[in-house]
Amino acid sequence: MAFNQELIKEFVTASHFDLAKVKAMLAGNPALLNVEYEWAPGDRESGVMAAGHMGNRAIAELFLSKGVPLNICVAAMLGRLDDVKAFLEGDGKLANARGAHGITVMFHAAMSGNIEVAQLLKSYGCNEGYKPMVEWLLDNGAQNVNAPNYEDKTPVRVAMELGHADIAGGRAAGWRQLRVCSTRIDGAAAGRYDERL
């Protein structure tokens, strides 16, 4: 069935953030499920791709429950380690896959909060690395940049231990400054950051 481009655009736009609208539009037009909108030449986006790069789990899961095929970017965003591994075992080049708007699979993995997914992508040769993920988080308002992990280690300390000098050295000074200047980070004392490096 052919839809006009404005209807497709409305559906894909809603798929970024509006679960109720997506459900209503699908109820009236089930064939919208797999449509794609072309934002620019070569930049095509489906509803599940939109939900994927926005980290909108509920909308992505809705699409998957209705039979939309899973792709590696959405699997990474959902933190589905086994699915990501299956994609990579089938084609290792998918470690550098890109979703809608050229957004990397590592970006999607960052939204999952599942470090094992990011590590798996790196082990298969993902060249996007951790640095772009860290910079994106900082540039997009990450507030608690010093949150300790389960071992009570800060991100800078983990980066240093894993040999990511580009992260530990490149932005560490900025992280220290953020820590000293901010009183909002977990209500912790400003000097606590440097002690935990």
Protein backbone atom coordinates (compact mmCIF):
# COMPACT_ATOMS: atom_id res chain seq x y z
CA MET A 1 0.00 0.00 0.00
CA ALA A 2 1.30 3.44 -0.91
CA PHE A 3 1.19 6.24 1.64
CA ASN A 4 1.79 9.90 1.03
CA GLN A 5 5.13 11.16 2.26
CA GLU A 6 3.63 13.49 4.86
CA LEU A 7 1.87 10.56 6.57
CA ILE A 8 5.10 8.53 6.56
CA LYS A 9 7.02 11.50 7.95
CA GLU A 10 4.41 11.97 10.70
CA PHE A 11 4.61 8.29 11.65
CA VAL A 12 8.41 8.11 11.69
CA THR A 13 8.60 11.38 13.64
CA ALA A 14 6.17 10.02 16.23
CA SER A 15 8.25 6.83 16.43
CA HIS A 16 11.04 8.84 18.05
CA PHE A 17 9.06 9.70 21.18
CA ASP A 18 5.26 9.27 21.07
CA LEU A 19 4.14 5.73 21.90
CA ALA A 20 0.43 6.61 22.08
CA LYS A 21 0.49 8.22 18.64
CA VAL A 22 2.42 5.30 17.13
CA LYS A 23 -0.17 2.87 18.50
CA ALA A 24 -3.05 4.99 17.20
CA MET A 25 -1.51 5.38 13.75
CA LEU A 26 -0.81 1.64 13.52
CA ALA A 27 -4.37 0.85 14.58
CA GLY A 28 -5.64 2.89 11.65
CA ASN A 29 -2.91 1.92 9.18
CA PRO A 30 -1.12 -1.34 10.11
CA ALA A 31 0.93 -1.17 6.91
CA LEU A 32 2.84 1.80 8.37
CA LEU A 33 4.79 -0.70 10.46
CA ASN A 34 7.69 -1.02 8.01
CA VAL A 35 7.61 2.26 6.09
CA GLU A 36 10.70 4.42 5.82
CA TYR A 37 10.97 8.16 5.42
CA GLU A 38 13.85 9.66 3.43
CA TRP A 39 15.00 12.77 5.27
CA ALA A 40 17.73 13.44 2.73
CA PRO A 41 19.21 11.44 -0.14
CA GLY A 42 20.43 8.17 1.39
CA ASP A 43 19.17 9.00 4.88
CA ARG A 44 16.21 6.65 5.28
CA GLU A 45 14.60 5.96 8.63
CA SER A 46 11.93 3.51 9.75
CA GLY A 47 9.96 3.66 12.97
CA VAL A 48 12.11 1.07 14.71
CA MET A 49 15.26 2.91 13.61
CA ALA A 50 13.84 6.16 15.05
CA ALA A 51 13.06 4.49 18.37
CA GLY A 52 16.51 2.89 18.31
CA HIS A 53 18.61 6.02 18.07
CA MET A 54 16.42 7.81 20.62
CA GLY A 55 16.83 5.00 23.15
CA ASN A 56 13.05 4.60 23.25
CA ARG A 57 12.76 1.03 24.47
CA ALA A 58 8.96 0.96 24.67
CA ILE A 59 8.46 1.98 21.05
CA ALA A 60 11.24 -0.31 19.81
CA GLU A 61 9.75 -3.25 21.71
CA LEU A 62 6.32 -2.46 20.24
CA PHE A 63 7.73 -2.67 16.72
CA LEU A 64 9.55 -5.91 17.49
CA SER A 65 6.42 -7.43 19.05
CA LYS A 66 4.61 -6.74 15.79
CA GLY A 67 7.20 -8.58 13.73
CA VAL A 68 9.54 -5.81 12.60
CA PRO A 69 12.95 -7.42 12.11
CA LEU A 70 15.58 -6.67 14.74
CA ASN A 71 18.75 -4.95 13.51
CA ILE A 72 22.09 -4.68 15.28
CA CYS A 73 21.64 -1.03 16.25
CA VAL A 74 18.30 -1.65 17.96
CA ALA A 75 19.68 -4.83 19.56
CA ALA A 76 22.61 -2.78 20.92
CA MET A 77 20.29 -0.05 22.25
CA LEU A 78 18.19 -2.69 24.01
CA GLY A 79 21.34 -4.26 25.51
CA ARG A 80 20.61 -7.62 23.90
CA LEU A 81 24.09 -9.06 24.13
CA ASP A 82 23.24 -12.46 22.60
CA ASP A 83 21.50 -10.85 19.63
CA VAL A 84 24.38 -8.45 19.04
CA LYS A 85 26.78 -11.39 19.20
CA ALA A 86 24.70 -13.34 16.67
CA PHE A 87 24.74 -10.38 14.27
CA LEU A 88 28.52 -10.06 14.62
CA GLU A 89 29.13 -13.77 14.19
CA GLY A 90 27.14 -13.57 10.96
CA ASP A 91 29.02 -10.50 9.72
CA GLY A 92 31.84 -8.96 11.75
CA LYS A 93 31.66 -5.76 9.69
CA LEU A 94 28.45 -4.93 11.54
CA ALA A 95 30.67 -3.82 14.44
CA ASN A 96 30.81 -0.54 12.52
CA ALA A 97 27.18 -0.51 11.40
CA ARG A 98 25.27 2.72 11.25
CA GLY A 99 21.60 3.30 11.80
CA ALA A 100 19.40 6.21 10.81
CA HIS A 101 21.21 9.50 10.11
CA GLY A 102 24.53 7.60 10.11
CA ILE A 103 24.40 7.13 13.89
CA THR A 104 26.85 4.45 14.95
CA VAL A 105 26.05 1.15 16.59
CA MET A 106 28.34 2.17 19.47
CA PHE A 107 26.11 5.20 20.10
CA HIS A 108 23.17 2.81 20.34
CA ALA A 109 25.14 0.56 22.68
CA ALA A 110 25.87 3.52 24.97
CA MET A 111 22.15 4.00 25.52
CA SER A 112 21.75 0.42 26.69
CA GLY A 113 24.03 0.89 29.67
CA ASN A 114 25.36 -2.60 28.92
CA ILE A 115 29.14 -2.31 28.82
CA GLU A 116 29.43 -5.91 27.61
CA VAL A 117 27.72 -4.86 24.38
CA ALA A 118 30.23 -2.04 23.87
CA GLN A 119 33.14 -4.37 24.67
CA LEU A 120 31.81 -6.98 22.25
CA LEU A 121 31.58 -4.39 19.47
CA LYS A 122 35.18 -3.31 20.18
CA SER A 123 36.36 -6.93 20.13
CA TYR A 124 34.93 -7.25 16.61
CA GLY A 125 36.79 -4.16 15.44
CA CYS A 126 34.39 -1.30 16.11
CA ASN A 127 36.47 1.75 15.31
CA GLU A 128 34.11 4.27 16.87
CA GLY A 129 35.52 3.52 20.27
CA TYR A 130 34.64 4.77 23.67
CA LYS A 131 35.92 8.30 23.19
CA PRO A 132 33.07 9.46 20.91
CA MET A 133 30.61 7.98 23.39
CA VAL A 134 32.18 9.85 26.31
CA GLU A 135 32.36 13.10 24.36
CA TRP A 136 28.74 12.76 23.29
CA LEU A 137 27.65 12.22 26.88
CA LEU A 138 29.61 15.26 28.06
CA ASP A 139 28.42 17.43 25.20
CA ASN A 140 24.81 16.45 25.81
CA GLY A 141 24.51 17.32 29.46
CA ALA A 142 25.80 14.32 31.39
CA GLN A 143 25.59 15.51 34.99
CA ASN A 144 27.19 12.76 37.02
CA VAL A 145 30.36 12.19 35.04
CA ASN A 146 32.05 10.76 38.10
CA ALA A 147 29.55 8.07 39.04
CA PRO A 148 31.46 5.08 40.36
CA ASN A 149 30.90 1.63 38.96
CA TYR A 150 30.27 -1.49 41.02
CA GLU A 151 33.99 -1.52 41.97
CA ASP A 152 33.78 2.09 43.17
CA LYS A 153 35.94 3.27 40.26
CA THR A 154 35.32 6.52 38.40
CA PRO A 155 35.10 6.63 34.58
CA VAL A 156 38.55 8.22 34.33
CA ARG A 157 40.11 5.50 36.46
CA VAL A 158 38.47 2.76 34.38
CA ALA A 159 39.62 4.46 31.18
CA MET A 160 43.20 4.58 32.49
CA GLU A 161 43.10 0.93 33.54
CA LEU A 162 41.79 -0.13 30.13
CA GLY A 163 44.48 1.85 28.33
CA HIS A 164 42.18 4.50 26.87
CA ALA A 165 44.58 7.39 27.28
CA ASP A 166 42.60 9.42 24.74
CA ILE A 167 39.74 9.50 27.24
CA ALA A 168 41.69 9.61 30.47
CA GLY A 169 44.04 12.32 29.25
CA GLY A 170 41.87 14.21 26.81
CA ARG A 171 38.85 14.93 28.96
CA ALA A 172 40.08 14.04 32.45
CA ALA A 173 41.07 17.61 33.20
CA GLY A 174 37.61 18.75 32.21
CA TRP A 175 36.05 16.06 34.38
CA ARG A 176 38.14 17.19 37.34
CA GLN A 177 37.04 20.77 36.75
CA LEU A 178 33.41 19.68 36.49
CA ARG A 179 33.78 17.81 39.77
CA VAL A 180 35.33 20.71 41.62
CA CYS A 181 32.85 23.25 40.25
CA SER A 182 29.69 21.21 40.65
CA THR A 183 27.76 20.79 43.84
CA ARG A 184 25.00 18.82 42.09
CA ILE A 185 26.89 15.58 41.50
CA ASP A 186 25.33 13.16 43.95
CA GLY A 187 25.58 15.81 46.67
CA ALA A 188 29.15 14.60 47.22
CA ALA A 189 31.94 16.78 48.54
CA ALA A 190 33.80 18.51 45.73
CA GLY A 191 37.18 17.09 46.73
CA ARG A 192 36.05 13.47 46.65
CA TYR A 193 36.73 13.05 42.92
CA ASP A 194 40.50 13.40 43.02
CA GLU A 195 40.78 10.97 45.92
CA ARG A 196 39.07 8.27 43.86
CA LEU A 197 41.08 8.66 40.67
